[in-house]
Amino acid sequence: MYPCNDIHESSSPSVLSAPPPPPPPPPHFGKQPTSTGAPVSLTNRLNRRTPQTTIYIQPQCPVPWSTGICDCCDDAGSCCLTFWCPCATFGRIAEIVDRGSTSCGVSGALYTLILCVTGCSCLYSCFYRSKLRGQFFLEESPCTDFCIHCCCEECALCQEYRELKNRGFDMSIGWHGNVERHHRGVALLPTTVQGAMSR
């Protein structure tokens, strides 16, 4: 009988005692209580994707010019101005494209100086055509900017002049005059006054 008691006493703790409770799970960095809705891990993944959708924008197709390269007669005033005084036309274009950082007079004088010294003012004016296209995301047509200005300088200047006029600029008052008029609400300027000079 004693051996049985010994067996019962030695075995009873293993039978009657419950196993120790498991240790609490380590705190997980990405979880929150269910009352908040979505786990933090899912929220973090969504938050990590959000800047990518706002920063990386799909490129758009270049838009065509509002008038063609040979549509000089659509605006007789700019056509006559460019024929008699291309430096004035270029100066006005350069002031708008540069957003007032250079004046019409300075740009026109530099254009005239390059024309008198080298005879190739297109080397200077084609740069502003490229800059204008970049601001309004215009297509490079009918050929490259340099070829257009090299082969038909006056037609290229007229087209650029008309493009800015068709986009709401008053070319006779310059950049600062257009900005002041826009602030007064007299005319509708493109939204590019604050940014990239595009509607």
N, C-alpha and C. Protein backbone atom coordinates (compact mmCIF):
# COMPACT_ATOMS: atom_id res chain seq x y z
N MET A 1 0.82 -1.20 0.00
CA MET A 1 0.00 0.00 0.00
C MET A 1 0.84 1.24 0.00
N TYR A 2 1.96 1.16 0.70
CA TYR A 2 2.83 2.33 0.68
C TYR A 2 3.38 2.62 -0.71
N PRO A 3 3.78 1.57 -1.43
CA PRO A 3 4.26 1.89 -2.78
C PRO A 3 3.23 2.59 -3.62
N CYS A 4 1.94 2.18 -3.44
CA CYS A 4 0.90 2.85 -4.23
C CYS A 4 0.78 4.30 -3.84
N ASN A 5 0.84 4.56 -2.52
CA ASN A 5 0.76 5.95 -2.08
C ASN A 5 1.93 6.76 -2.63
N ASP A 6 3.10 6.11 -2.65
CA ASP A 6 4.25 6.83 -3.19
C ASP A 6 4.07 7.15 -4.66
N ILE A 7 3.52 6.19 -5.36
CA ILE A 7 3.31 6.42 -6.79
C ILE A 7 2.29 7.53 -7.01
N HIS A 8 1.20 7.46 -6.19
CA HIS A 8 0.15 8.47 -6.33
C HIS A 8 0.68 9.86 -6.00
N GLU A 9 1.47 9.93 -4.93
CA GLU A 9 1.97 11.23 -4.54
C GLU A 9 2.98 11.78 -5.54
N SER A 10 3.80 10.89 -6.11
CA SER A 10 4.78 11.39 -7.06
C SER A 10 4.19 11.74 -8.41
N SER A 11 3.09 11.02 -8.73
CA SER A 11 2.49 11.29 -10.03
C SER A 11 1.42 12.36 -9.99
N SER A 12 0.90 12.65 -8.82
CA SER A 12 -0.21 13.59 -8.73
C SER A 12 0.17 15.00 -9.17
N PRO A 13 1.36 15.49 -8.85
CA PRO A 13 1.64 16.84 -9.32
C PRO A 13 1.63 16.96 -10.84
N SER A 14 2.08 15.92 -11.54
CA SER A 14 2.12 16.01 -13.00
C SER A 14 0.74 15.90 -13.60
N VAL A 15 -0.19 15.19 -12.91
CA VAL A 15 -1.53 15.02 -13.45
C VAL A 15 -2.42 16.20 -13.09
N LEU A 16 -2.36 16.66 -11.85
CA LEU A 16 -3.29 17.66 -11.38
C LEU A 16 -2.85 19.09 -11.70
N SER A 17 -1.56 19.32 -11.76
CA SER A 17 -1.13 20.70 -11.98
C SER A 17 -1.22 21.06 -13.47
N ALA A 18 -1.70 22.26 -13.74
CA ALA A 18 -1.84 22.72 -15.12
C ALA A 18 -0.48 23.18 -15.65
N PRO A 19 -0.27 23.07 -16.96
CA PRO A 19 1.02 23.55 -17.49
C PRO A 19 1.12 25.06 -17.32
N PRO A 20 2.32 25.54 -17.22
CA PRO A 20 2.47 26.99 -17.04
C PRO A 20 1.94 27.73 -18.26
N PRO A 21 1.35 28.90 -18.05
CA PRO A 21 0.78 29.64 -19.20
C PRO A 21 1.90 30.07 -20.15
N PRO A 22 1.58 30.07 -21.41
CA PRO A 22 2.62 30.49 -22.37
C PRO A 22 2.97 31.97 -22.18
N PRO A 23 4.17 32.35 -22.50
CA PRO A 23 4.55 33.77 -22.35
C PRO A 23 3.75 34.63 -23.31
N PRO A 24 3.48 35.82 -22.89
CA PRO A 24 2.68 36.70 -23.80
C PRO A 24 3.44 36.93 -25.09
N PRO A 25 2.73 37.03 -26.19
CA PRO A 25 3.42 37.23 -27.48
C PRO A 25 4.15 38.57 -27.47
N PRO A 26 5.28 38.59 -28.11
CA PRO A 26 6.02 39.87 -28.15
C PRO A 26 5.22 40.92 -28.90
N PRO A 27 5.32 42.14 -28.46
CA PRO A 27 4.56 43.20 -29.17
C PRO A 27 5.01 43.29 -30.61
N HIS A 28 4.02 43.28 -31.50
CA HIS A 28 4.32 43.34 -32.94
C HIS A 28 4.26 44.79 -33.39
N PHE A 29 5.25 45.19 -34.12
CA PHE A 29 5.38 46.62 -34.49
C PHE A 29 4.25 47.08 -35.38
N GLY A 30 3.76 46.21 -36.24
CA GLY A 30 2.80 46.66 -37.24
C GLY A 30 1.36 46.51 -36.87
N LYS A 31 1.00 46.05 -35.61
CA LYS A 31 -0.40 45.80 -35.28
C LYS A 31 -0.92 46.85 -34.34
N GLN A 32 -2.19 47.08 -34.44
CA GLN A 32 -2.90 47.98 -33.55
C GLN A 32 -4.13 47.25 -33.06
N PRO A 33 -4.77 47.75 -32.03
CA PRO A 33 -6.05 47.15 -31.64
C PRO A 33 -7.05 47.21 -32.77
N THR A 34 -7.95 46.20 -32.76
CA THR A 34 -8.91 46.10 -33.86
C THR A 34 -9.89 47.26 -33.87
N SER A 35 -10.00 48.01 -32.78
CA SER A 35 -10.97 49.10 -32.75
C SER A 35 -10.58 50.25 -33.66
N THR A 36 -9.35 50.30 -34.08
CA THR A 36 -8.92 51.41 -34.95
C THR A 36 -9.28 51.19 -36.40
N GLY A 37 -9.75 50.05 -36.78
CA GLY A 37 -10.13 49.83 -38.17
C GLY A 37 -9.12 48.99 -38.90
N ALA A 38 -8.13 49.58 -39.53
CA ALA A 38 -7.13 48.86 -40.33
C ALA A 38 -5.85 48.73 -39.54
N PRO A 39 -5.15 47.62 -39.68
CA PRO A 39 -3.85 47.49 -38.99
C PRO A 39 -2.87 48.53 -39.50
N VAL A 40 -1.90 48.80 -38.65
CA VAL A 40 -0.90 49.80 -39.01
C VAL A 40 -0.10 49.34 -40.21
N SER A 41 0.13 48.02 -40.31
CA SER A 41 0.93 47.52 -41.43
C SER A 41 0.24 47.84 -42.76
N LEU A 42 -1.11 47.65 -42.80
CA LEU A 42 -1.84 47.98 -44.02
C LEU A 42 -1.84 49.49 -44.25
N THR A 43 -2.03 50.25 -43.16
CA THR A 43 -2.02 51.70 -43.30
C THR A 43 -0.67 52.19 -43.78
N ASN A 44 0.41 51.59 -43.24
CA ASN A 44 1.74 52.01 -43.68
C ASN A 44 1.95 51.70 -45.15
N ARG A 45 1.47 50.53 -45.58
CA ARG A 45 1.63 50.20 -47.00
C ARG A 45 0.87 51.18 -47.88
N LEU A 46 -0.34 51.58 -47.42
CA LEU A 46 -1.10 52.55 -48.19
C LEU A 46 -0.42 53.90 -48.19
N ASN A 47 0.12 54.28 -47.03
CA ASN A 47 0.81 55.56 -46.95
C ASN A 47 2.08 55.57 -47.79
N ARG A 48 2.75 54.41 -47.87
CA ARG A 48 3.96 54.36 -48.69
C ARG A 48 3.62 54.45 -50.17
N ARG A 49 2.43 53.99 -50.56
CA ARG A 49 2.06 54.08 -51.97
C ARG A 49 1.55 55.46 -52.34
N THR A 50 1.04 56.21 -51.38
CA THR A 50 0.43 57.50 -51.69
C THR A 50 1.42 58.49 -52.30
N PRO A 51 2.63 58.67 -51.73
CA PRO A 51 3.54 59.61 -52.39
C PRO A 51 3.93 59.20 -53.79
N GLN A 52 3.97 57.88 -54.06
CA GLN A 52 4.36 57.44 -55.39
C GLN A 52 3.32 57.86 -56.42
N THR A 53 2.03 57.83 -56.03
CA THR A 53 1.01 58.20 -56.99
C THR A 53 0.99 59.71 -57.22
N THR A 54 1.46 60.50 -56.26
CA THR A 54 1.44 61.94 -56.44
C THR A 54 2.73 62.46 -57.08
N ILE A 55 3.83 61.73 -56.92
CA ILE A 55 5.10 62.21 -57.45
C ILE A 55 5.29 61.75 -58.88
N TYR A 56 5.06 60.48 -59.13
CA TYR A 56 5.31 59.94 -60.46
C TYR A 56 4.05 60.07 -61.29
N ILE A 57 4.05 61.02 -62.19
CA ILE A 57 2.90 61.29 -63.05
C ILE A 57 3.18 60.73 -64.43
N GLN A 58 2.18 60.08 -64.98
CA GLN A 58 2.35 59.53 -66.31
C GLN A 58 2.54 60.66 -67.33
N PRO A 59 3.51 60.56 -68.21
CA PRO A 59 3.72 61.63 -69.19
C PRO A 59 2.55 61.74 -70.15
N GLN A 60 2.23 62.97 -70.53
CA GLN A 60 1.16 63.21 -71.47
C GLN A 60 1.74 63.35 -72.87
N CYS A 61 0.87 63.20 -73.84
CA CYS A 61 1.30 63.39 -75.22
C CYS A 61 1.43 64.88 -75.49
N PRO A 62 2.44 65.29 -76.25
CA PRO A 62 2.57 66.71 -76.59
C PRO A 62 1.36 67.19 -77.36
N VAL A 63 0.96 68.41 -77.08
CA VAL A 63 -0.21 68.99 -77.74
C VAL A 63 0.24 69.77 -78.97
N PRO A 64 -0.61 69.87 -79.97
CA PRO A 64 -0.22 70.62 -81.17
C PRO A 64 -0.28 72.12 -80.93
N TRP A 65 0.39 72.87 -81.79
CA TRP A 65 0.37 74.32 -81.72
C TRP A 65 -1.03 74.81 -82.08
N SER A 66 -1.41 75.95 -81.57
CA SER A 66 -2.74 76.48 -81.86
C SER A 66 -2.86 76.96 -83.30
N THR A 67 -1.74 77.34 -83.91
CA THR A 67 -1.73 77.73 -85.33
C THR A 67 -0.54 77.06 -86.01
N GLY A 68 -0.61 76.96 -87.32
CA GLY A 68 0.46 76.33 -88.07
C GLY A 68 1.62 77.27 -88.32
N ILE A 69 2.71 76.70 -88.80
CA ILE A 69 3.91 77.49 -89.05
C ILE A 69 3.70 78.49 -90.19
N CYS A 70 2.79 78.19 -91.10
CA CYS A 70 2.56 79.06 -92.26
C CYS A 70 1.30 79.92 -92.12
N ASP A 71 0.72 79.98 -90.94
CA ASP A 71 -0.51 80.75 -90.74
C ASP A 71 -0.20 82.18 -90.31
N CYS A 72 0.77 82.79 -90.94
CA CYS A 72 1.18 84.15 -90.55
C CYS A 72 0.09 85.17 -90.79
N CYS A 73 -0.75 84.96 -91.80
CA CYS A 73 -1.79 85.92 -92.12
C CYS A 73 -2.95 85.90 -91.13
N ASP A 74 -2.95 84.93 -90.22
CA ASP A 74 -4.00 84.91 -89.20
C ASP A 74 -3.89 86.10 -88.27
N ASP A 75 -2.71 86.64 -88.11
CA ASP A 75 -2.50 87.81 -87.27
C ASP A 75 -1.63 88.79 -88.05
N ALA A 76 -2.29 89.69 -88.74
CA ALA A 76 -1.57 90.62 -89.62
C ALA A 76 -0.65 91.54 -88.84
N GLY A 77 -1.03 91.90 -87.62
CA GLY A 77 -0.22 92.81 -86.83
C GLY A 77 1.13 92.22 -86.45
N SER A 78 1.11 90.98 -85.96
CA SER A 78 2.38 90.33 -85.60
C SER A 78 3.20 90.00 -86.84
N CYS A 79 2.52 89.75 -87.95
CA CYS A 79 3.24 89.46 -89.20
C CYS A 79 4.00 90.69 -89.67
N CYS A 80 3.35 91.85 -89.65
CA CYS A 80 4.03 93.08 -90.07
C CYS A 80 5.15 93.45 -89.10
N LEU A 81 4.90 93.28 -87.79
CA LEU A 81 5.92 93.59 -86.81
C LEU A 81 7.15 92.72 -87.00
N THR A 82 6.93 91.44 -87.25
CA THR A 82 8.06 90.52 -87.43
C THR A 82 8.80 90.80 -88.73
N PHE A 83 8.07 91.19 -89.77
CA PHE A 83 8.72 91.47 -91.05
C PHE A 83 9.61 92.71 -90.97
N TRP A 84 9.13 93.76 -90.32
CA TRP A 84 9.87 95.02 -90.27
C TRP A 84 10.86 95.06 -89.10
N CYS A 85 10.50 94.42 -88.01
CA CYS A 85 11.36 94.52 -86.82
C CYS A 85 11.31 93.20 -86.05
N PRO A 86 12.00 92.16 -86.53
CA PRO A 86 11.94 90.86 -85.85
C PRO A 86 12.52 90.91 -84.44
N CYS A 87 13.40 91.86 -84.17
CA CYS A 87 13.98 91.94 -82.83
C CYS A 87 12.91 92.30 -81.79
N ALA A 88 11.91 93.10 -82.18
CA ALA A 88 10.83 93.45 -81.26
C ALA A 88 9.94 92.24 -80.97
N THR A 89 9.64 91.49 -82.04
CA THR A 89 8.85 90.27 -81.83
C THR A 89 9.57 89.29 -80.92
N PHE A 90 10.84 89.08 -81.20
CA PHE A 90 11.60 88.15 -80.37
C PHE A 90 11.71 88.66 -78.93
N GLY A 91 11.93 89.96 -78.75
CA GLY A 91 12.05 90.50 -77.40
C GLY A 91 10.79 90.28 -76.58
N ARG A 92 9.64 90.46 -77.20
CA ARG A 92 8.38 90.23 -76.48
C ARG A 92 8.20 88.75 -76.13
N ILE A 93 8.54 87.90 -77.08
CA ILE A 93 8.44 86.45 -76.81
C ILE A 93 9.37 86.06 -75.66
N ALA A 94 10.61 86.55 -75.72
CA ALA A 94 11.60 86.17 -74.71
C ALA A 94 11.20 86.65 -73.32
N GLU A 95 10.60 87.84 -73.23
CA GLU A 95 10.19 88.35 -71.91
C GLU A 95 9.11 87.48 -71.30
N ILE A 96 8.15 87.04 -72.10
CA ILE A 96 7.08 86.18 -71.57
C ILE A 96 7.63 84.80 -71.22
N VAL A 97 8.45 84.25 -72.09
CA VAL A 97 8.98 82.91 -71.83
C VAL A 97 9.90 82.90 -70.61
N ASP A 98 10.66 83.98 -70.43
CA ASP A 98 11.54 84.08 -69.27
C ASP A 98 10.82 84.56 -68.02
N ARG A 99 9.52 84.79 -68.12
CA ARG A 99 8.69 85.22 -66.99
C ARG A 99 9.20 86.50 -66.36
N GLY A 100 9.61 87.42 -67.20
CA GLY A 100 10.00 88.73 -66.73
C GLY A 100 11.42 88.85 -66.21
N SER A 101 12.19 87.77 -66.23
CA SER A 101 13.56 87.86 -65.74
C SER A 101 14.45 88.66 -66.69
N THR A 102 14.09 88.69 -67.97
CA THR A 102 14.77 89.55 -68.93
C THR A 102 13.72 90.44 -69.60
N SER A 103 14.12 91.66 -69.92
CA SER A 103 13.17 92.59 -70.52
C SER A 103 13.13 92.42 -72.03
N CYS A 104 12.10 92.98 -72.60
CA CYS A 104 11.94 92.93 -74.06
C CYS A 104 13.09 93.66 -74.75
N GLY A 105 13.50 94.80 -74.21
CA GLY A 105 14.56 95.58 -74.83
C GLY A 105 15.90 94.87 -74.81
N VAL A 106 16.22 94.25 -73.68
CA VAL A 106 17.51 93.55 -73.57
C VAL A 106 17.56 92.36 -74.53
N SER A 107 16.49 91.57 -74.54
CA SER A 107 16.45 90.40 -75.43
C SER A 107 16.48 90.82 -76.89
N GLY A 108 15.73 91.87 -77.24
CA GLY A 108 15.73 92.34 -78.62
C GLY A 108 17.09 92.89 -79.05
N ALA A 109 17.77 93.60 -78.13
CA ALA A 109 19.09 94.14 -78.45
C ALA A 109 20.11 93.02 -78.64
N LEU A 110 20.04 92.01 -77.79
CA LEU A 110 20.95 90.87 -77.94
C LEU A 110 20.69 90.11 -79.24
N TYR A 111 19.43 89.98 -79.60
CA TYR A 111 19.06 89.34 -80.86
C TYR A 111 19.65 90.12 -82.04
N THR A 112 19.53 91.45 -82.01
CA THR A 112 20.08 92.28 -83.08
C THR A 112 21.60 92.19 -83.14
N LEU A 113 22.24 92.17 -81.98
CA LEU A 113 23.70 92.08 -81.94
C LEU A 113 24.19 90.77 -82.55
N ILE A 114 23.53 89.67 -82.21
CA ILE A 114 23.92 88.37 -82.77
C ILE A 114 23.67 88.35 -84.27
N LEU A 115 22.58 88.96 -84.70
CA LEU A 115 22.27 89.01 -86.13
C LEU A 115 23.31 89.81 -86.89
N CYS A 116 23.76 90.93 -86.32
CA CYS A 116 24.74 91.78 -87.01
C CYS A 116 26.13 91.16 -87.00
N VAL A 117 26.48 90.47 -85.94
CA VAL A 117 27.84 89.93 -85.82
C VAL A 117 27.98 88.61 -86.59
N THR A 118 27.03 87.73 -86.39
CA THR A 118 27.15 86.39 -86.98
C THR A 118 26.22 86.18 -88.17
N GLY A 119 25.15 86.92 -88.25
CA GLY A 119 24.17 86.70 -89.29
C GLY A 119 23.27 85.50 -89.02
N CYS A 120 23.42 84.89 -87.88
CA CYS A 120 22.65 83.68 -87.53
C CYS A 120 21.93 83.91 -86.20
N SER A 121 20.92 84.74 -86.24
CA SER A 121 20.14 84.96 -85.02
C SER A 121 19.34 83.73 -84.62
N CYS A 122 19.19 82.80 -85.56
CA CYS A 122 18.45 81.57 -85.25
C CYS A 122 19.14 80.75 -84.17
N LEU A 123 20.44 80.91 -84.01
CA LEU A 123 21.15 80.19 -82.96
C LEU A 123 20.65 80.59 -81.58
N TYR A 124 20.17 81.80 -81.48
CA TYR A 124 19.66 82.31 -80.21
C TYR A 124 18.16 82.10 -80.08
N SER A 125 17.42 82.37 -81.16
CA SER A 125 15.96 82.31 -81.08
C SER A 125 15.44 80.88 -80.98
N CYS A 126 16.15 79.90 -81.54
CA CYS A 126 15.66 78.52 -81.47
C CYS A 126 15.66 78.01 -80.02
N PHE A 127 16.56 78.55 -79.21
CA PHE A 127 16.59 78.17 -77.80
C PHE A 127 15.29 78.55 -77.10
N TYR A 128 14.73 79.71 -77.45
CA TYR A 128 13.48 80.16 -76.82
C TYR A 128 12.28 79.38 -77.37
N ARG A 129 12.37 78.92 -78.58
CA ARG A 129 11.29 78.06 -79.08
C ARG A 129 11.24 76.76 -78.28
N SER A 130 12.41 76.19 -78.00
CA SER A 130 12.47 74.98 -77.20
C SER A 130 11.94 75.23 -75.79
N LYS A 131 12.29 76.38 -75.24
CA LYS A 131 11.83 76.72 -73.90
C LYS A 131 10.31 76.92 -73.86
N LEU A 132 9.78 77.55 -74.89
CA LEU A 132 8.34 77.75 -74.99
C LEU A 132 7.62 76.41 -75.11
N ARG A 133 8.16 75.53 -75.93
CA ARG A 133 7.53 74.21 -76.07
C ARG A 133 7.56 73.45 -74.75
N GLY A 134 8.64 73.57 -74.00
CA GLY A 134 8.71 72.88 -72.73
C GLY A 134 7.71 73.40 -71.71
N GLN A 135 7.43 74.69 -71.73
CA GLN A 135 6.50 75.25 -70.77
C GLN A 135 5.06 74.85 -71.08
N PHE A 136 4.71 74.77 -72.35
CA PHE A 136 3.35 74.44 -72.74
C PHE A 136 3.22 73.01 -73.25
N PHE A 137 4.29 72.26 -73.21
CA PHE A 137 4.31 70.86 -73.65
C PHE A 137 3.78 70.74 -75.09
N LEU A 138 4.35 71.56 -75.97
CA LEU A 138 3.97 71.56 -77.38
C LEU A 138 4.84 70.58 -78.15
N GLU A 139 4.28 70.05 -79.20
CA GLU A 139 5.03 69.08 -80.00
C GLU A 139 6.06 69.78 -80.89
N GLU A 140 7.12 69.08 -81.16
CA GLU A 140 8.19 69.60 -82.00
C GLU A 140 7.86 69.30 -83.45
N SER A 141 7.21 70.23 -84.09
CA SER A 141 6.77 70.01 -85.47
C SER A 141 6.87 71.34 -86.24
N PRO A 142 6.99 71.31 -87.54
CA PRO A 142 7.09 70.13 -88.42
C PRO A 142 8.47 69.49 -88.41
N CYS A 143 9.47 70.15 -87.82
CA CYS A 143 10.80 69.55 -87.68
C CYS A 143 11.43 70.12 -86.42
N THR A 144 12.72 69.96 -86.26
CA THR A 144 13.37 70.41 -85.04
C THR A 144 13.34 71.94 -84.93
N ASP A 145 13.51 72.41 -83.71
CA ASP A 145 13.45 73.85 -83.46
C ASP A 145 14.54 74.59 -84.22
N PHE A 146 15.73 74.03 -84.25
CA PHE A 146 16.82 74.70 -84.94
C PHE A 146 16.55 74.79 -86.44
N CYS A 147 16.05 73.71 -87.02
CA CYS A 147 15.76 73.72 -88.47
C CYS A 147 14.68 74.72 -88.81
N ILE A 148 13.66 74.81 -87.97
CA ILE A 148 12.57 75.75 -88.25
C ILE A 148 13.09 77.18 -88.22
N HIS A 149 13.89 77.52 -87.21
CA HIS A 149 14.39 78.89 -87.12
C HIS A 149 15.47 79.16 -88.16
N CYS A 150 16.21 78.14 -88.51
CA CYS A 150 17.27 78.33 -89.50
C CYS A 150 16.68 78.54 -90.90
N CYS A 151 15.63 77.80 -91.23
CA CYS A 151 15.05 77.86 -92.57
C CYS A 151 14.00 78.95 -92.71
N CYS A 152 13.24 79.20 -91.63
CA CYS A 152 12.14 80.16 -91.73
C CYS A 152 12.00 80.91 -90.40
N GLU A 153 12.94 81.80 -90.16
CA GLU A 153 13.00 82.52 -88.88
C GLU A 153 11.75 83.34 -88.62
N GLU A 154 11.30 84.09 -89.61
CA GLU A 154 10.16 84.98 -89.40
C GLU A 154 8.88 84.19 -89.14
N CYS A 155 8.67 83.12 -89.90
CA CYS A 155 7.47 82.31 -89.68
C CYS A 155 7.47 81.67 -88.29
N ALA A 156 8.65 81.24 -87.83
CA ALA A 156 8.74 80.64 -86.50
C ALA A 156 8.43 81.67 -85.42
N LEU A 157 8.96 82.87 -85.56
CA LEU A 157 8.68 83.92 -84.57
C LEU A 157 7.20 84.28 -84.57
N CYS A 158 6.59 84.37 -85.75
CA CYS A 158 5.16 84.67 -85.82
C CYS A 158 4.33 83.58 -85.14
N GLN A 159 4.69 82.34 -85.36
CA GLN A 159 3.94 81.25 -84.74
C GLN A 159 4.04 81.29 -83.22
N GLU A 160 5.24 81.54 -82.71
CA GLU A 160 5.42 81.62 -81.26
C GLU A 160 4.67 82.82 -80.68
N TYR A 161 4.69 83.92 -81.39
CA TYR A 161 3.97 85.12 -80.96
C TYR A 161 2.46 84.84 -80.88
N ARG A 162 1.93 84.20 -81.93
CA ARG A 162 0.50 83.88 -81.95
C ARG A 162 0.14 82.88 -80.84
N GLU A 163 1.03 81.94 -80.60
CA GLU A 163 0.76 80.94 -79.56
C GLU A 163 0.58 81.60 -78.19
N LEU A 164 1.45 82.52 -77.87
CA LEU A 164 1.33 83.20 -76.59
C LEU A 164 0.08 84.09 -76.54
N LYS A 165 -0.25 84.72 -77.64
CA LYS A 165 -1.48 85.52 -77.68
C LYS A 165 -2.71 84.65 -77.51
N ASN A 166 -2.72 83.50 -78.17
CA ASN A 166 -3.87 82.60 -78.06
C ASN A 166 -4.00 82.00 -76.67
N ARG A 167 -2.95 82.02 -75.91
CA ARG A 167 -3.00 81.52 -74.53
C ARG A 167 -3.31 82.61 -73.52
N GLY A 168 -3.68 83.79 -73.99
CA GLY A 168 -4.19 84.83 -73.11
C GLY A 168 -3.23 85.95 -72.77
N PHE A 169 -2.06 85.98 -73.35
CA PHE A 169 -1.10 87.04 -73.05
C PHE A 169 -1.31 88.24 -73.96
N ASP A 170 -1.20 89.41 -73.38
CA ASP A 170 -1.15 90.65 -74.16
C ASP A 170 0.32 90.94 -74.38
N MET A 171 0.79 90.72 -75.59
CA MET A 171 2.22 90.80 -75.86
C MET A 171 2.77 92.21 -75.77
N SER A 172 1.91 93.21 -75.88
CA SER A 172 2.39 94.60 -75.89
C SER A 172 2.72 95.13 -74.50
N ILE A 173 2.25 94.49 -73.44
CA ILE A 173 2.48 95.01 -72.09
C ILE A 173 3.51 94.20 -71.32
N GLY A 174 4.03 93.14 -71.90
CA GLY A 174 5.09 92.38 -71.25
C GLY A 174 4.59 91.48 -70.13
N TRP A 175 5.53 90.80 -69.51
CA TRP A 175 5.19 89.82 -68.47
C TRP A 175 4.57 90.50 -67.24
N HIS A 176 5.22 91.54 -66.73
CA HIS A 176 4.74 92.17 -65.50
C HIS A 176 3.39 92.82 -65.71
N GLY A 177 3.16 93.38 -66.87
CA GLY A 177 1.85 93.94 -67.15
C GLY A 177 0.76 92.87 -67.18
N ASN A 178 1.08 91.72 -67.72
CA ASN A 178 0.11 90.62 -67.73
C ASN A 178 -0.17 90.11 -66.33
N VAL A 179 0.87 90.05 -65.49
CA VAL A 179 0.66 89.60 -64.12
C VAL A 179 -0.21 90.58 -63.35
N GLU A 180 0.05 91.87 -63.49
CA GLU A 180 -0.77 92.87 -62.81
C GLU A 180 -2.22 92.84 -63.29
N ARG A 181 -2.40 92.67 -64.56
CA ARG A 181 -3.75 92.59 -65.11
C ARG A 181 -4.47 91.36 -64.60
N HIS A 182 -3.72 90.28 -64.46
CA HIS A 182 -4.32 89.05 -63.93
C HIS A 182 -4.74 89.24 -62.47
N HIS A 183 -3.92 89.91 -61.68
CA HIS A 183 -4.28 90.14 -60.28
C HIS A 183 -5.47 91.07 -60.14
N ARG A 184 -5.61 92.00 -61.06
CA ARG A 184 -6.77 92.89 -61.02
C ARG A 184 -8.02 92.21 -61.53
N GLY A 185 -7.87 91.08 -62.19
CA GLY A 185 -9.03 90.36 -62.70
C GLY A 185 -9.57 90.91 -63.99
N VAL A 186 -8.76 91.72 -64.70
CA VAL A 186 -9.23 92.29 -65.95
C VAL A 186 -9.28 91.25 -67.04
N ALA A 187 -8.30 90.35 -67.05
CA ALA A 187 -8.23 89.33 -68.09
C ALA A 187 -7.86 88.01 -67.47
N LEU A 188 -8.19 86.96 -68.13
CA LEU A 188 -7.86 85.62 -67.66
C LEU A 188 -6.50 85.22 -68.19
N LEU A 189 -5.58 85.07 -67.28
CA LEU A 189 -4.25 84.59 -67.66
C LEU A 189 -4.21 83.10 -67.44
N PRO A 190 -3.39 82.37 -68.17
CA PRO A 190 -3.22 80.95 -67.89
C PRO A 190 -2.72 80.75 -66.47
N THR A 191 -2.98 79.56 -65.93
CA THR A 191 -2.56 79.26 -64.57
C THR A 191 -1.05 79.16 -64.44
N THR A 192 -0.33 79.34 -65.53
CA THR A 192 1.12 79.22 -65.50
C THR A 192 1.80 80.44 -64.92
N VAL A 193 1.05 81.45 -64.49
CA VAL A 193 1.66 82.59 -63.83
C VAL A 193 2.39 82.15 -62.58
N GLN A 194 1.87 81.10 -61.91
CA GLN A 194 2.49 80.61 -60.70
C GLN A 194 3.44 79.46 -60.96
N GLY A 195 3.30 78.75 -62.05
CA GLY A 195 4.11 77.56 -62.22
C GLY A 195 4.72 77.43 -63.57
N ALA A 196 4.22 76.49 -64.35
CA ALA A 196 4.91 76.11 -65.58
C ALA A 196 4.39 76.79 -66.81
N MET A 197 3.66 77.88 -66.67
CA MET A 197 3.18 78.65 -67.80
C MET A 197 2.32 77.83 -68.75
N SER A 198 1.47 76.99 -68.20
CA SER A 198 0.56 76.21 -69.04
C SER A 198 -0.81 76.25 -68.42
N ARG A 199 -1.85 76.10 -69.24
CA ARG A 199 -3.18 76.14 -68.71
C ARG A 199 -3.43 74.98 -67.78
